[in-house]
Amino acid sequence: MIQFKDRRGHEFTPTAQSIVKKREGAFVIALHNNKVLLTYQKHAIDVPELPGGGIDEGENALEAAQREFEEETGIAFPSDLTADTDFDIHANFYADDVKEFWIYDQTYFLYTKGLAPLYFDGRKPAPEQGFKEWISIDKIDALGMHAIHKDILKKVIPS
């Protein structure tokens, strides 16, 4: 049986009655001065995550990542930014807030240049009833952040 992980890293197995669906998503990894921009959403305010989400019909992954970044952070995505790299992963994700199992193909866009105008200190409110914050990368291990996103950051950020 296929195992799915929720945002906290707990494993779940779907039953015959479970909703299982394919989903595509795109996310922004914004790194500036050894800090990464994270959001805290109302459905899991204790679990910081990378800005991003589902790809809407008619969008490509980059368009979705930039739209989701703006929606979740309230920060306009600069049109002149170019990703250092992008990469795809596959994740079996249990979305505990909606009780769905997602066979989730995700694209991540890493940005490390031109982010100074987006930087701020401390926590600031974010549009989706949460907040946003730049977190030092040396604190990532101690954070109870989104398990998939934490694994991605560990692979992307040099030790």
N, C-alpha and C. Protein backbone atom coordinates (compact mmCIF):
# COMPACT_ATOMS: atom_id res chain seq x y z
N MET A 1 0.84 -1.18 0.00
CA MET A 1 0.00 0.00 0.00
C MET A 1 0.89 1.25 0.00
N ILE A 2 0.48 2.24 -0.76
CA ILE A 2 1.24 3.49 -0.85
C ILE A 2 1.03 4.31 0.41
N GLN A 3 2.14 4.85 0.94
CA GLN A 3 2.09 5.71 2.11
C GLN A 3 2.12 7.18 1.66
N PHE A 4 1.40 8.00 2.37
CA PHE A 4 1.36 9.44 2.13
C PHE A 4 1.80 10.14 3.40
N LYS A 5 2.52 11.25 3.25
CA LYS A 5 2.94 12.03 4.42
C LYS A 5 2.16 13.34 4.47
N ASP A 6 1.79 13.72 5.69
CA ASP A 6 1.15 15.03 5.85
C ASP A 6 2.23 16.09 6.05
N ARG A 7 1.81 17.32 6.24
CA ARG A 7 2.77 18.43 6.35
C ARG A 7 3.68 18.29 7.57
N ARG A 8 3.25 17.55 8.58
CA ARG A 8 4.07 17.35 9.78
C ARG A 8 4.98 16.13 9.69
N GLY A 9 4.87 15.38 8.58
CA GLY A 9 5.71 14.21 8.38
C GLY A 9 5.10 12.90 8.85
N HIS A 10 3.85 12.95 9.34
CA HIS A 10 3.17 11.72 9.76
C HIS A 10 2.71 10.94 8.54
N GLU A 11 2.75 9.62 8.63
CA GLU A 11 2.37 8.78 7.50
C GLU A 11 0.91 8.34 7.61
N PHE A 12 0.26 8.28 6.44
CA PHE A 12 -1.14 7.88 6.34
C PHE A 12 -1.30 6.94 5.15
N THR A 13 -2.25 6.03 5.26
CA THR A 13 -2.58 5.12 4.17
C THR A 13 -4.03 5.35 3.78
N PRO A 14 -4.30 5.59 2.51
CA PRO A 14 -5.70 5.79 2.11
C PRO A 14 -6.50 4.50 2.22
N THR A 15 -7.78 4.65 2.46
CA THR A 15 -8.71 3.52 2.48
C THR A 15 -9.51 3.55 1.18
N ALA A 16 -10.38 2.59 1.01
CA ALA A 16 -11.22 2.54 -0.20
C ALA A 16 -12.14 3.76 -0.28
N GLN A 17 -12.46 4.36 0.86
CA GLN A 17 -13.35 5.52 0.88
C GLN A 17 -12.60 6.86 0.75
N SER A 18 -11.31 6.84 0.78
CA SER A 18 -10.51 8.07 0.73
C SER A 18 -10.58 8.74 -0.64
N ILE A 19 -10.46 10.05 -0.61
CA ILE A 19 -10.34 10.82 -1.85
C ILE A 19 -8.86 10.86 -2.21
N VAL A 20 -8.53 10.29 -3.37
CA VAL A 20 -7.15 10.27 -3.87
C VAL A 20 -7.18 10.95 -5.23
N LYS A 21 -6.34 11.97 -5.41
CA LYS A 21 -6.33 12.68 -6.70
C LYS A 21 -4.93 13.09 -7.09
N LYS A 22 -4.76 13.25 -8.40
CA LYS A 22 -3.50 13.78 -8.92
C LYS A 22 -3.55 15.29 -8.81
N ARG A 23 -2.38 15.87 -8.54
CA ARG A 23 -2.31 17.32 -8.39
C ARG A 23 -0.93 17.77 -8.83
N GLU A 24 -0.87 19.00 -9.36
CA GLU A 24 0.40 19.61 -9.72
C GLU A 24 0.54 20.91 -8.94
N GLY A 25 1.75 21.18 -8.47
CA GLY A 25 1.99 22.40 -7.71
C GLY A 25 3.32 23.01 -8.06
N ALA A 26 3.48 24.28 -7.68
CA ALA A 26 4.72 25.01 -7.94
C ALA A 26 5.03 25.90 -6.74
N PHE A 27 6.32 26.00 -6.41
CA PHE A 27 6.76 26.68 -5.20
C PHE A 27 7.99 27.53 -5.46
N VAL A 28 8.13 28.59 -4.65
CA VAL A 28 9.29 29.48 -4.74
C VAL A 28 10.17 29.26 -3.51
N ILE A 29 11.46 29.06 -3.76
CA ILE A 29 12.46 29.05 -2.69
C ILE A 29 13.23 30.36 -2.85
N ALA A 30 12.96 31.31 -1.96
CA ALA A 30 13.63 32.61 -1.99
C ALA A 30 14.69 32.64 -0.89
N LEU A 31 15.96 32.67 -1.27
CA LEU A 31 17.08 32.68 -0.33
C LEU A 31 17.81 34.02 -0.41
N HIS A 32 17.93 34.69 0.72
CA HIS A 32 18.61 35.99 0.77
C HIS A 32 19.35 36.10 2.10
N ASN A 33 20.64 36.41 2.04
CA ASN A 33 21.45 36.57 3.26
C ASN A 33 21.31 35.38 4.21
N ASN A 34 21.37 34.17 3.66
CA ASN A 34 21.25 32.94 4.44
C ASN A 34 19.91 32.79 5.15
N LYS A 35 18.89 33.41 4.58
CA LYS A 35 17.53 33.26 5.11
C LYS A 35 16.60 32.85 3.99
N VAL A 36 15.56 32.11 4.35
CA VAL A 36 14.56 31.66 3.38
C VAL A 36 13.21 32.26 3.78
N LEU A 37 12.44 32.69 2.79
CA LEU A 37 11.12 33.27 3.05
C LEU A 37 10.11 32.14 3.21
N LEU A 38 9.44 32.12 4.36
CA LEU A 38 8.42 31.11 4.65
C LEU A 38 7.09 31.79 4.95
N THR A 39 6.01 31.04 4.72
CA THR A 39 4.68 31.53 5.06
C THR A 39 4.06 30.60 6.10
N TYR A 40 3.14 31.16 6.85
CA TYR A 40 2.38 30.42 7.86
C TYR A 40 0.91 30.62 7.50
N GLN A 41 0.24 29.55 7.11
CA GLN A 41 -1.14 29.63 6.64
C GLN A 41 -2.12 29.31 7.76
N LYS A 42 -3.32 29.87 7.69
CA LYS A 42 -4.30 29.70 8.76
C LYS A 42 -4.67 28.24 9.01
N HIS A 43 -4.64 27.39 7.97
CA HIS A 43 -5.03 25.99 8.15
C HIS A 43 -3.97 25.17 8.88
N ALA A 44 -2.76 25.73 9.01
CA ALA A 44 -1.68 25.05 9.75
C ALA A 44 -0.69 26.11 10.21
N ILE A 45 -1.16 27.01 11.06
CA ILE A 45 -0.38 28.19 11.46
C ILE A 45 0.92 27.82 12.16
N ASP A 46 1.01 26.61 12.68
CA ASP A 46 2.21 26.17 13.39
C ASP A 46 3.22 25.47 12.47
N VAL A 47 2.91 25.39 11.18
CA VAL A 47 3.77 24.67 10.23
C VAL A 47 4.19 25.60 9.09
N PRO A 48 5.34 26.26 9.22
CA PRO A 48 5.78 27.14 8.14
C PRO A 48 6.07 26.35 6.87
N GLU A 49 5.87 27.02 5.73
CA GLU A 49 6.08 26.35 4.45
C GLU A 49 6.57 27.34 3.41
N LEU A 50 7.04 26.80 2.30
CA LEU A 50 7.46 27.63 1.18
C LEU A 50 6.22 28.19 0.49
N PRO A 51 6.30 29.42 -0.02
CA PRO A 51 5.16 29.95 -0.76
C PRO A 51 4.95 29.16 -2.06
N GLY A 52 3.71 28.80 -2.31
CA GLY A 52 3.40 28.06 -3.52
C GLY A 52 2.09 27.32 -3.37
N GLY A 53 1.73 26.57 -4.40
CA GLY A 53 0.49 25.82 -4.36
C GLY A 53 0.15 25.27 -5.72
N GLY A 54 -1.13 25.02 -5.92
CA GLY A 54 -1.60 24.34 -7.12
C GLY A 54 -1.44 25.15 -8.40
N ILE A 55 -1.23 24.42 -9.48
CA ILE A 55 -1.16 25.02 -10.81
C ILE A 55 -2.57 25.03 -11.38
N ASP A 56 -3.06 26.22 -11.71
CA ASP A 56 -4.39 26.37 -12.29
C ASP A 56 -4.39 26.02 -13.77
N GLU A 57 -5.57 25.69 -14.27
CA GLU A 57 -5.70 25.38 -15.69
C GLU A 57 -5.23 26.58 -16.52
N GLY A 58 -4.43 26.30 -17.54
CA GLY A 58 -3.92 27.36 -18.42
C GLY A 58 -2.62 27.97 -17.95
N GLU A 59 -2.15 27.62 -16.76
CA GLU A 59 -0.89 28.14 -16.23
C GLU A 59 0.22 27.13 -16.45
N ASN A 60 1.44 27.64 -16.56
CA ASN A 60 2.59 26.76 -16.47
C ASN A 60 3.12 26.84 -15.04
N ALA A 61 4.09 26.03 -14.72
CA ALA A 61 4.59 25.96 -13.33
C ALA A 61 5.15 27.30 -12.86
N LEU A 62 5.89 28.00 -13.70
CA LEU A 62 6.47 29.28 -13.31
C LEU A 62 5.39 30.31 -13.02
N GLU A 63 4.40 30.40 -13.89
CA GLU A 63 3.30 31.34 -13.67
C GLU A 63 2.58 31.03 -12.35
N ALA A 64 2.36 29.75 -12.09
CA ALA A 64 1.68 29.35 -10.86
C ALA A 64 2.52 29.70 -9.63
N ALA A 65 3.82 29.43 -9.69
CA ALA A 65 4.70 29.73 -8.55
C ALA A 65 4.69 31.23 -8.24
N GLN A 66 4.76 32.05 -9.28
CA GLN A 66 4.77 33.50 -9.08
C GLN A 66 3.42 33.99 -8.56
N ARG A 67 2.31 33.46 -9.09
CA ARG A 67 0.98 33.85 -8.61
C ARG A 67 0.80 33.45 -7.15
N GLU A 68 1.15 32.20 -6.84
CA GLU A 68 1.00 31.73 -5.46
C GLU A 68 1.89 32.52 -4.50
N PHE A 69 3.09 32.87 -4.94
CA PHE A 69 3.99 33.69 -4.12
C PHE A 69 3.29 35.00 -3.75
N GLU A 70 2.70 35.66 -4.74
CA GLU A 70 2.00 36.93 -4.48
C GLU A 70 0.79 36.73 -3.58
N GLU A 71 0.01 35.68 -3.84
CA GLU A 71 -1.19 35.42 -3.04
C GLU A 71 -0.84 35.13 -1.58
N GLU A 72 0.20 34.36 -1.36
CA GLU A 72 0.52 33.92 0.00
C GLU A 72 1.38 34.90 0.78
N THR A 73 2.17 35.71 0.09
CA THR A 73 3.03 36.66 0.80
C THR A 73 2.52 38.09 0.75
N GLY A 74 1.70 38.41 -0.26
CA GLY A 74 1.27 39.78 -0.46
C GLY A 74 2.35 40.65 -1.09
N ILE A 75 3.42 40.03 -1.55
CA ILE A 75 4.54 40.73 -2.18
C ILE A 75 4.46 40.52 -3.69
N ALA A 76 4.46 41.62 -4.44
CA ALA A 76 4.46 41.50 -5.90
C ALA A 76 5.74 40.82 -6.35
N PHE A 77 5.60 39.83 -7.21
CA PHE A 77 6.78 39.10 -7.69
C PHE A 77 7.47 39.94 -8.75
N PRO A 78 8.74 40.31 -8.54
CA PRO A 78 9.44 41.17 -9.50
C PRO A 78 9.57 40.49 -10.87
N SER A 79 9.15 41.20 -11.91
CA SER A 79 9.17 40.62 -13.26
C SER A 79 10.57 40.37 -13.78
N ASP A 80 11.56 41.04 -13.19
CA ASP A 80 12.94 40.89 -13.68
C ASP A 80 13.72 39.76 -12.99
N LEU A 81 13.11 39.06 -12.04
CA LEU A 81 13.81 37.97 -11.36
C LEU A 81 13.86 36.73 -12.24
N THR A 82 15.00 36.09 -12.23
CA THR A 82 15.18 34.83 -12.96
C THR A 82 15.63 33.77 -11.97
N ALA A 83 15.00 32.63 -12.03
CA ALA A 83 15.37 31.53 -11.13
C ALA A 83 16.78 31.04 -11.42
N ASP A 84 17.52 30.74 -10.35
CA ASP A 84 18.85 30.14 -10.50
C ASP A 84 18.71 28.75 -11.11
N THR A 85 17.68 28.05 -10.66
CA THR A 85 17.42 26.70 -11.16
C THR A 85 15.98 26.33 -10.82
N ASP A 86 15.51 25.29 -11.44
CA ASP A 86 14.21 24.72 -11.07
C ASP A 86 14.34 23.21 -11.15
N PHE A 87 13.50 22.54 -10.40
CA PHE A 87 13.54 21.07 -10.39
C PHE A 87 12.18 20.53 -10.00
N ASP A 88 11.94 19.30 -10.42
CA ASP A 88 10.67 18.64 -10.17
C ASP A 88 10.85 17.49 -9.19
N ILE A 89 9.83 17.29 -8.37
CA ILE A 89 9.80 16.12 -7.48
C ILE A 89 8.40 15.51 -7.53
N HIS A 90 8.30 14.31 -7.05
CA HIS A 90 7.00 13.65 -6.88
C HIS A 90 6.83 13.39 -5.38
N ALA A 91 5.66 13.70 -4.86
CA ALA A 91 5.39 13.46 -3.44
C ALA A 91 4.00 12.86 -3.29
N ASN A 92 3.87 11.93 -2.37
CA ASN A 92 2.56 11.43 -1.97
C ASN A 92 2.20 12.19 -0.70
N PHE A 93 1.25 13.12 -0.83
CA PHE A 93 0.95 14.06 0.25
C PHE A 93 -0.47 13.87 0.75
N TYR A 94 -0.61 13.81 2.07
CA TYR A 94 -1.94 13.79 2.69
C TYR A 94 -2.25 15.20 3.14
N ALA A 95 -3.23 15.82 2.49
CA ALA A 95 -3.65 17.18 2.83
C ALA A 95 -4.67 17.08 3.97
N ASP A 96 -4.16 17.17 5.19
CA ASP A 96 -5.01 16.95 6.36
C ASP A 96 -6.10 18.00 6.52
N ASP A 97 -5.88 19.20 5.98
CA ASP A 97 -6.89 20.26 6.13
C ASP A 97 -8.13 19.98 5.28
N VAL A 98 -7.99 19.22 4.18
CA VAL A 98 -9.13 18.89 3.33
C VAL A 98 -9.40 17.38 3.27
N LYS A 99 -8.61 16.61 4.02
CA LYS A 99 -8.77 15.15 4.11
C LYS A 99 -8.69 14.48 2.73
N GLU A 100 -7.66 14.88 1.95
CA GLU A 100 -7.45 14.30 0.63
C GLU A 100 -6.02 13.78 0.50
N PHE A 101 -5.87 12.74 -0.29
CA PHE A 101 -4.56 12.16 -0.60
C PHE A 101 -4.18 12.63 -2.00
N TRP A 102 -3.04 13.30 -2.10
CA TRP A 102 -2.62 13.87 -3.39
C TRP A 102 -1.40 13.13 -3.92
N ILE A 103 -1.51 12.67 -5.14
CA ILE A 103 -0.36 12.18 -5.88
C ILE A 103 0.17 13.44 -6.56
N TYR A 104 1.20 14.02 -5.94
CA TYR A 104 1.54 15.42 -6.14
C TYR A 104 2.86 15.59 -6.89
N ASP A 105 2.78 16.12 -8.11
CA ASP A 105 3.98 16.48 -8.87
C ASP A 105 4.25 17.96 -8.61
N GLN A 106 5.43 18.26 -8.12
CA GLN A 106 5.77 19.62 -7.70
C GLN A 106 7.00 20.13 -8.44
N THR A 107 6.96 21.43 -8.78
CA THR A 107 8.11 22.11 -9.37
C THR A 107 8.54 23.20 -8.40
N TYR A 108 9.83 23.27 -8.14
CA TYR A 108 10.41 24.28 -7.25
C TYR A 108 11.32 25.19 -8.05
N PHE A 109 11.23 26.50 -7.78
CA PHE A 109 12.07 27.51 -8.42
C PHE A 109 12.91 28.16 -7.34
N LEU A 110 14.23 28.07 -7.49
CA LEU A 110 15.17 28.62 -6.52
C LEU A 110 15.65 29.99 -6.99
N TYR A 111 15.50 31.00 -6.12
CA TYR A 111 15.95 32.37 -6.39
C TYR A 111 16.94 32.78 -5.31
N THR A 112 18.09 33.29 -5.73
CA THR A 112 19.09 33.77 -4.77
C THR A 112 19.59 35.18 -5.10
N LYS A 113 19.17 35.73 -6.23
CA LYS A 113 19.66 37.05 -6.65
C LYS A 113 18.50 38.02 -6.80
N GLY A 114 18.75 39.28 -6.48
CA GLY A 114 17.75 40.33 -6.68
C GLY A 114 16.64 40.35 -5.65
N LEU A 115 16.85 39.72 -4.50
CA LEU A 115 15.79 39.63 -3.49
C LEU A 115 15.83 40.72 -2.43
N ALA A 116 16.87 41.56 -2.43
CA ALA A 116 17.00 42.59 -1.39
C ALA A 116 15.75 43.46 -1.27
N PRO A 117 15.10 43.87 -2.37
CA PRO A 117 13.89 44.69 -2.22
C PRO A 117 12.72 43.97 -1.55
N LEU A 118 12.77 42.65 -1.51
CA LEU A 118 11.68 41.87 -0.89
C LEU A 118 11.94 41.57 0.58
N TYR A 119 13.15 41.83 1.03
CA TYR A 119 13.56 41.45 2.38
C TYR A 119 12.96 42.38 3.44
N PHE A 120 12.63 41.81 4.58
CA PHE A 120 12.15 42.57 5.74
C PHE A 120 12.55 41.79 6.99
N ASP A 121 12.60 42.47 8.11
CA ASP A 121 12.90 41.83 9.39
C ASP A 121 11.60 41.48 10.11
N GLY A 122 11.64 40.41 10.88
CA GLY A 122 10.51 40.02 11.71
C GLY A 122 9.38 39.37 10.93
N ARG A 123 8.26 39.20 11.62
CA ARG A 123 7.06 38.61 11.01
C ARG A 123 6.16 39.73 10.52
N LYS A 124 5.53 39.48 9.38
CA LYS A 124 4.56 40.43 8.84
C LYS A 124 3.30 39.67 8.46
N PRO A 125 2.16 40.35 8.55
CA PRO A 125 0.92 39.69 8.14
C PRO A 125 0.97 39.29 6.67
N ALA A 126 0.28 38.22 6.35
CA ALA A 126 0.16 37.76 4.97
C ALA A 126 -1.32 37.69 4.61
N PRO A 127 -1.65 37.78 3.33
CA PRO A 127 -3.04 37.89 2.91
C PRO A 127 -3.97 36.76 3.32
N GLU A 128 -3.50 35.54 3.38
CA GLU A 128 -4.38 34.41 3.64
C GLU A 128 -4.49 34.08 5.13
N GLN A 129 -4.70 35.13 5.93
CA GLN A 129 -4.90 35.03 7.38
C GLN A 129 -3.76 34.34 8.10
N GLY A 130 -2.57 34.60 7.64
CA GLY A 130 -1.39 34.05 8.28
C GLY A 130 -0.32 35.12 8.34
N PHE A 131 0.92 34.70 8.26
CA PHE A 131 2.01 35.67 8.22
C PHE A 131 3.19 35.10 7.45
N LYS A 132 4.16 35.95 7.23
CA LYS A 132 5.37 35.57 6.49
C LYS A 132 6.57 36.00 7.29
N GLU A 133 7.71 35.33 7.03
CA GLU A 133 8.92 35.63 7.79
C GLU A 133 10.12 35.06 7.06
N TRP A 134 11.23 35.80 7.09
CA TRP A 134 12.51 35.30 6.60
C TRP A 134 13.17 34.57 7.77
N ILE A 135 13.46 33.29 7.59
CA ILE A 135 14.03 32.45 8.65
C ILE A 135 15.46 32.07 8.27
N SER A 136 16.36 32.18 9.23
CA SER A 136 17.75 31.78 9.02
C SER A 136 17.82 30.30 8.67
N ILE A 137 18.62 29.96 7.66
CA ILE A 137 18.69 28.56 7.23
C ILE A 137 19.26 27.65 8.30
N ASP A 138 20.01 28.20 9.24
CA ASP A 138 20.53 27.34 10.31
C ASP A 138 19.47 27.00 11.35
N LYS A 139 18.27 27.57 11.23
CA LYS A 139 17.16 27.25 12.13
C LYS A 139 16.15 26.29 11.50
N ILE A 140 16.37 25.94 10.24
CA ILE A 140 15.42 25.09 9.53
C ILE A 140 15.22 23.74 10.23
N ASP A 141 16.31 23.11 10.67
CA ASP A 141 16.19 21.80 11.32
C ASP A 141 15.32 21.85 12.57
N ALA A 142 15.37 22.95 13.31
CA ALA A 142 14.62 23.06 14.55
C ALA A 142 13.15 23.43 14.32
N LEU A 143 12.83 23.90 13.11
CA LEU A 143 11.45 24.31 12.83
C LEU A 143 10.58 23.08 12.58
N GLY A 144 9.36 23.16 13.03
CA GLY A 144 8.39 22.12 12.70
C GLY A 144 7.74 22.46 11.37
N MET A 145 8.58 22.70 10.35
CA MET A 145 8.03 23.15 9.08
C MET A 145 7.51 22.00 8.23
N HIS A 146 6.82 22.35 7.16
CA HIS A 146 6.25 21.39 6.22
C HIS A 146 7.31 20.35 5.86
N ALA A 147 7.02 19.08 6.10
CA ALA A 147 8.01 18.02 5.97
C ALA A 147 8.61 17.92 4.56
N ILE A 148 7.78 18.02 3.54
CA ILE A 148 8.29 17.94 2.17
C ILE A 148 9.20 19.13 1.88
N HIS A 149 8.77 20.31 2.29
CA HIS A 149 9.56 21.52 2.03
C HIS A 149 10.88 21.50 2.80
N LYS A 150 10.84 20.97 4.01
CA LYS A 150 12.07 20.86 4.80
C LYS A 150 13.07 19.94 4.10
N ASP A 151 12.59 18.82 3.58
CA ASP A 151 13.46 17.90 2.85
C ASP A 151 14.06 18.57 1.62
N ILE A 152 13.25 19.35 0.92
CA ILE A 152 13.73 20.06 -0.28
C ILE A 152 14.82 21.05 0.11
N LEU A 153 14.59 21.83 1.16
CA LEU A 153 15.59 22.83 1.58
C LEU A 153 16.90 22.17 1.97
N LYS A 154 16.83 21.03 2.63
CA LYS A 154 18.06 20.32 3.02
C LYS A 154 18.87 19.88 1.80
N LYS A 155 18.18 19.56 0.71
CA LYS A 155 18.86 19.15 -0.51
C LYS A 155 19.43 20.34 -1.28
N VAL A 156 18.72 21.47 -1.24
CA VAL A 156 19.08 22.64 -2.05
C VAL A 156 20.13 23.52 -1.38
N ILE A 157 20.04 23.65 -0.06
CA ILE A 157 20.93 24.57 0.66
C ILE A 157 22.18 23.82 1.08
N PRO A 158 23.34 24.29 0.65
CA PRO A 158 24.58 23.62 1.07
C PRO A 158 24.78 23.71 2.58
N SER A 159 25.31 22.66 3.16
CA SER A 159 25.55 22.63 4.62
C SER A 159 26.72 23.50 4.99
